[in-house]
Amino acid sequence: MAESKPKSFEEGLEQLESVVQKLESDGLTLEQSLVEFEKGVKLAKDLQIQLEQSKRRVDVLKQSLNGELETRPLDSDSA
């Protein structure tokens, strides 16, 4: 059963913590462990992307003209 992408960073972090707990338990077969590990890698990648986007947004806020805070759309060409 495929899990959907987390709706928020916090939800993704909770899912990743759940995966880690499952991997640390002794009850998984090798195949189950590999499936959970794959989920964890995908979640970690998604969370890293969210963190990078948030950092860029903060940088944009800090660099706004005349000291006024403003948000600008992020470039969507990064991957």
C-alpha atoms as a PDB file:
ATOM      1  CA  MET A   1       0.000   0.000   0.000  1.00  0.00           C
ATOM      2  CA  ALA A   2       1.532   3.292  -1.121  1.00  0.00           C
ATOM      3  CA  GLU A   3       1.552   6.209   1.297  1.00  0.00           C
ATOM      4  CA  SER A   4       0.663   9.638   0.022  1.00  0.00           C
ATOM      5  CA  LYS A   5       3.052  12.559   0.224  1.00  0.00           C
ATOM      6  CA  PRO A   6       2.831  14.400   3.539  1.00  0.00           C
ATOM      7  CA  LYS A   7       0.666  17.524   3.515  1.00  0.00           C
ATOM      8  CA  SER A   8       3.064  19.411   5.785  1.00  0.00           C
ATOM      9  CA  PHE A   9       6.659  19.278   6.935  1.00  0.00           C
ATOM     10  CA  GLU A  10       5.524  18.229  10.383  1.00  0.00           C
ATOM     11  CA  GLU A  11       3.419  15.366   9.004  1.00  0.00           C
ATOM     12  CA  GLY A  12       6.365  14.189   6.925  1.00  0.00           C
ATOM     13  CA  LEU A  13       8.633  14.299   9.941  1.00  0.00           C
ATOM     14  CA  GLU A  14       6.148  12.205  11.930  1.00  0.00           C
ATOM     15  CA  GLN A  15       6.003   9.671   9.085  1.00  0.00           C
ATOM     16  CA  LEU A  16       9.798   9.518   8.951  1.00  0.00           C
ATOM     17  CA  GLU A  17       9.994   8.982  12.712  1.00  0.00           C
ATOM     18  CA  SER A  18       7.478   6.136  12.375  1.00  0.00           C
ATOM     19  CA  VAL A  19       9.605   4.530   9.657  1.00  0.00           C
ATOM     20  CA  VAL A  20      12.714   4.779  11.859  1.00  0.00           C
ATOM     21  CA  GLN A  21      10.877   3.160  14.773  1.00  0.00           C
ATOM     22  CA  LYS A  22       9.757   0.295  12.536  1.00  0.00           C
ATOM     23  CA  LEU A  23      13.305  -0.191  11.254  1.00  0.00           C
ATOM     24  CA  GLU A  24      14.681  -0.219  14.800  1.00  0.00           C
ATOM     25  CA  SER A  25      12.240  -2.928  15.876  1.00  0.00           C
ATOM     26  CA  ASP A  26      13.166  -6.580  15.569  1.00  0.00           C
ATOM     27  CA  GLY A  27       9.917  -7.713  13.946  1.00  0.00           C
ATOM     28  CA  LEU A  28      10.551  -6.922  10.272  1.00  0.00           C
ATOM     29  CA  THR A  29      11.692  -9.328   7.603  1.00  0.00           C
ATOM     30  CA  LEU A  30      14.469  -8.291   5.263  1.00  0.00           C
ATOM     31  CA  GLU A  31      11.936  -7.432   2.544  1.00  0.00           C
ATOM     32  CA  GLN A  32       9.806  -5.368   4.950  1.00  0.00           C
ATOM     33  CA  SER A  33      12.928  -3.568   6.132  1.00  0.00           C
ATOM     34  CA  LEU A  34      13.860  -2.697   2.552  1.00  0.00           C
ATOM     35  CA  VAL A  35      10.359  -1.363   1.860  1.00  0.00           C
ATOM     36  CA  GLU A  36      10.459   0.796   5.006  1.00  0.00           C
ATOM     37  CA  PHE A  37      13.977   1.990   4.199  1.00  0.00           C
ATOM     38  CA  GLU A  38      12.825   3.059   0.729  1.00  0.00           C
ATOM     39  CA  LYS A  39       9.906   4.982   2.271  1.00  0.00           C
ATOM     40  CA  GLY A  40      12.322   6.665   4.668  1.00  0.00           C
ATOM     41  CA  VAL A  41      14.689   7.721   1.889  1.00  0.00           C
ATOM     42  CA  LYS A  42      11.807   9.228  -0.116  1.00  0.00           C
ATOM     43  CA  LEU A  43      10.457  11.055   2.929  1.00  0.00           C
ATOM     44  CA  ALA A  44      13.897  12.396   3.841  1.00  0.00           C
ATOM     45  CA  LYS A  45      14.361  13.690   0.291  1.00  0.00           C
ATOM     46  CA  ASP A  46      10.941  15.393   0.310  1.00  0.00           C
ATOM     47  CA  LEU A  47      11.664  16.968   3.704  1.00  0.00           C
ATOM     48  CA  GLN A  48      15.063  18.216   2.518  1.00  0.00           C
ATOM     49  CA  ILE A  49      13.416  19.883  -0.486  1.00  0.00           C
ATOM     50  CA  GLN A  50      10.863  21.562   1.792  1.00  0.00           C
ATOM     51  CA  LEU A  51      13.652  22.844   4.045  1.00  0.00           C
ATOM     52  CA  GLU A  52      15.603  24.225   1.077  1.00  0.00           C
ATOM     53  CA  GLN A  53      12.480  26.003  -0.222  1.00  0.00           C
ATOM     54  CA  SER A  54      11.833  27.516   3.189  1.00  0.00           C
ATOM     55  CA  LYS A  55      15.433  28.706   3.433  1.00  0.00           C
ATOM     56  CA  ARG A  56      15.195  30.390   0.029  1.00  0.00           C
ATOM     57  CA  ARG A  57      11.976  32.084   1.083  1.00  0.00           C
ATOM     58  CA  VAL A  58      13.642  33.416   4.240  1.00  0.00           C
ATOM     59  CA  ASP A  59      16.578  34.645   2.153  1.00  0.00           C
ATOM     60  CA  VAL A  60      14.187  36.481  -0.170  1.00  0.00           C
ATOM     61  CA  LEU A  61      12.511  38.124   2.820  1.00  0.00           C
ATOM     62  CA  LYS A  62      15.853  39.249   4.226  1.00  0.00           C
ATOM     63  CA  GLN A  63      16.979  40.689   0.880  1.00  0.00           C
ATOM     64  CA  SER A  64      13.906  42.806   0.168  1.00  0.00           C
ATOM     65  CA  LEU A  65      14.467  46.446  -0.720  1.00  0.00           C
ATOM     66  CA  ASN A  66      14.231  49.335   1.769  1.00  0.00           C
ATOM     67  CA  GLY A  67      14.073  46.959   4.713  1.00  0.00           C
ATOM     68  CA  GLU A  68      10.442  46.150   4.008  1.00  0.00           C
ATOM     69  CA  LEU A  69       9.428  42.521   4.250  1.00  0.00           C
ATOM     70  CA  GLU A  70       7.907  41.092   1.112  1.00  0.00           C
ATOM     71  CA  THR A  71       7.566  37.651  -0.346  1.00  0.00           C
ATOM     72  CA  ARG A  72       8.364  36.795  -3.932  1.00  0.00           C
ATOM     73  CA  PRO A  73       7.655  33.551  -5.771  1.00  0.00           C
ATOM     74  CA  LEU A  74      10.469  31.032  -5.616  1.00  0.00           C
ATOM     75  CA  ASP A  75      12.168  29.912  -8.808  1.00  0.00           C
ATOM     76  CA  SER A  76      10.664  26.591  -9.791  1.00  0.00           C
ATOM     77  CA  ASP A  77      13.585  25.504 -11.957  1.00  0.00           C
ATOM     78  CA  SER A  78      15.564  23.932  -9.101  1.00  0.00           C
ATOM     79  CA  ALA A  79      15.534  20.186  -8.568  1.00  0.00           C
END
